Amino acid sequence: QVQLAESGGGLVQPGGSLKLTCWATGEAATITVFRWYRQVPGKQRELVGFINNDGPTYADAVRGRFTISRDYIKSALYLQMSSLKPEDTAVYYCNAQAPRLTPSEYWGLGTEVTVAS
């Protein structure tokens, strides 16, 4: 199995930057796709982007401002967020797919990001 834990959330001013990290433990080497989601209370969870062997892909709302990367040695997933806007305020979740495992999908508990003056 895989365990995921996010860190790096906090309060940041509009236009600022923040870097989130998702630490994967357990059978992290079996993860084929890593995703970042975010959720605002009362709204559906939204895909921010994902990374696989083909590289990263981003949602339209964050493309050009956010960068997803993965460190295979540290078993970590990163989300570098720049030019943050108040509408980026949400709880950010890490998600991993590991098709060889049962279950094959894992979630972290989330880290809260607030963009405000």
Protein backbone atom coordinates (compact mmCIF):
# COMPACT_ATOMS: atom_id res chain seq x y z
CA GLN A 1 0.00 0.00 0.00
CA VAL A 2 0.87 3.68 -0.24
CA GLN A 3 0.57 6.45 2.32
CA LEU A 4 0.46 10.08 1.24
CA ALA A 5 1.04 13.18 3.36
CA GLU A 6 0.89 16.76 2.11
CA SER A 7 2.74 19.70 3.60
CA GLY A 8 3.53 23.30 2.77
CA GLY A 9 0.13 24.95 2.94
CA GLY A 10 -0.44 28.31 4.57
CA LEU A 11 -1.45 31.91 4.12
CA VAL A 12 0.04 33.84 1.21
CA GLN A 13 -0.70 37.20 -0.31
CA PRO A 14 -2.10 37.54 -3.83
CA GLY A 15 0.72 37.39 -6.34
CA GLY A 16 2.84 35.33 -3.98
CA SER A 17 4.26 31.84 -4.25
CA LEU A 18 3.98 28.64 -2.27
CA LYS A 19 5.37 25.14 -2.70
CA LEU A 20 3.41 22.10 -1.63
CA THR A 21 4.97 18.70 -1.09
CA CYS A 22 3.33 15.29 -1.05
CA TRP A 23 5.43 12.63 0.65
CA ALA A 24 4.73 9.05 -0.41
CA THR A 25 5.68 6.09 1.75
CA GLY A 26 5.11 2.38 1.43
CA GLU A 27 5.16 1.01 -2.09
CA ALA A 28 5.68 4.44 -3.62
CA ALA A 29 7.77 3.09 -6.47
CA THR A 30 4.64 1.48 -7.94
CA ILE A 31 2.89 4.83 -8.42
CA THR A 32 2.31 5.50 -12.12
CA VAL A 33 0.30 8.72 -11.92
CA PHE A 34 0.46 11.44 -9.29
CA ARG A 35 -2.25 14.08 -9.17
CA TRP A 36 -2.98 17.29 -7.31
CA TYR A 37 -6.60 18.18 -6.59
CA ARG A 38 -8.11 21.07 -4.70
CA GLN A 39 -11.44 21.61 -3.04
CA VAL A 40 -13.31 24.61 -1.75
CA PRO A 41 -15.96 23.91 0.91
CA GLY A 42 -19.29 23.29 -0.74
CA LYS A 43 -17.78 22.65 -4.15
CA GLN A 44 -16.59 19.58 -6.01
CA ARG A 45 -12.99 18.51 -5.85
CA GLU A 46 -11.14 19.96 -8.85
CA LEU A 47 -8.18 18.47 -10.67
CA VAL A 48 -5.21 20.85 -10.63
CA GLY A 49 -2.89 18.65 -12.66
CA PHE A 50 -1.09 15.37 -12.85
CA ILE A 51 2.26 13.88 -13.77
CA ASN A 52 3.13 10.54 -15.36
CA ASN A 53 5.92 9.18 -17.53
CA ASP A 54 4.92 11.64 -20.25
CA GLY A 55 5.39 14.61 -17.95
CA PRO A 56 3.00 17.07 -16.30
CA THR A 57 -0.42 18.20 -17.46
CA TYR A 58 -2.32 21.15 -16.00
CA ALA A 59 -5.83 22.41 -15.67
CA ASP A 60 -6.56 25.58 -17.62
CA ALA A 61 -7.04 27.57 -14.41
CA VAL A 62 -3.45 27.02 -13.28
CA ARG A 63 -1.46 26.50 -16.47
CA GLY A 64 1.48 28.86 -16.64
CA ARG A 65 1.34 29.58 -12.91
CA PHE A 66 1.72 26.15 -11.30
CA THR A 67 4.43 23.55 -11.84
CA ILE A 68 4.16 19.88 -10.92
CA SER A 69 7.27 17.79 -10.46
CA ARG A 70 8.22 14.45 -8.96
CA ASP A 71 11.34 13.29 -7.14
CA TYR A 72 11.62 9.52 -7.54
CA ILE A 73 14.51 9.23 -5.07
CA LYS A 74 12.70 11.08 -2.30
CA SER A 75 9.30 9.62 -3.27
CA ALA A 76 7.88 13.12 -3.31
CA LEU A 77 5.48 15.09 -5.47
CA TYR A 78 5.69 18.87 -5.62
CA LEU A 79 3.35 21.66 -6.58
CA GLN A 80 5.08 24.98 -7.08
CA MET A 81 2.44 27.69 -7.15
CA SER A 82 3.19 31.19 -8.36
CA SER A 83 1.16 34.32 -9.11
CA LEU A 84 -1.40 33.08 -6.64
CA LYS A 85 -4.92 34.44 -6.75
CA PRO A 86 -7.64 34.50 -4.10
CA GLU A 87 -9.52 31.92 -6.16
CA ASP A 88 -6.66 29.49 -5.61
CA THR A 89 -7.73 29.30 -1.97
CA ALA A 90 -8.63 25.67 -1.25
CA VAL A 91 -7.56 22.51 0.45
CA TYR A 92 -5.03 20.80 -1.81
CA TYR A 93 -4.94 17.01 -1.98
CA CYS A 94 -2.39 14.61 -3.34
CA ASN A 95 -3.67 11.55 -5.21
CA ALA A 96 -1.73 8.55 -6.45
CA GLN A 97 -2.55 5.70 -8.78
CA ALA A 98 -0.69 2.43 -8.33
CA PRO A 99 -2.34 -0.09 -10.64
CA ARG A 100 -0.34 -3.05 -9.34
CA LEU A 101 -1.65 -2.56 -5.82
CA THR A 102 -5.00 -3.24 -4.20
CA PRO A 103 -6.45 -0.75 -3.63
CA SER A 104 -4.98 1.06 -6.63
CA GLU A 105 -5.81 4.65 -5.64
CA TYR A 106 -4.66 6.65 -2.61
CA TRP A 107 -5.34 10.08 -1.14
CA GLY A 108 -3.60 12.33 1.32
CA LEU A 109 -5.46 14.28 4.00
CA GLY A 110 -4.86 17.62 2.34
CA THR A 111 -3.13 20.87 3.14
CA GLU A 112 -4.91 24.21 3.27
CA VAL A 113 -3.87 27.14 1.10
CA THR A 114 -5.30 30.59 1.70
CA VAL A 115 -4.57 33.46 -0.65
CA ALA A 116 -5.56 36.75 0.94
CA SER A 117 -4.21 40.19 1.73
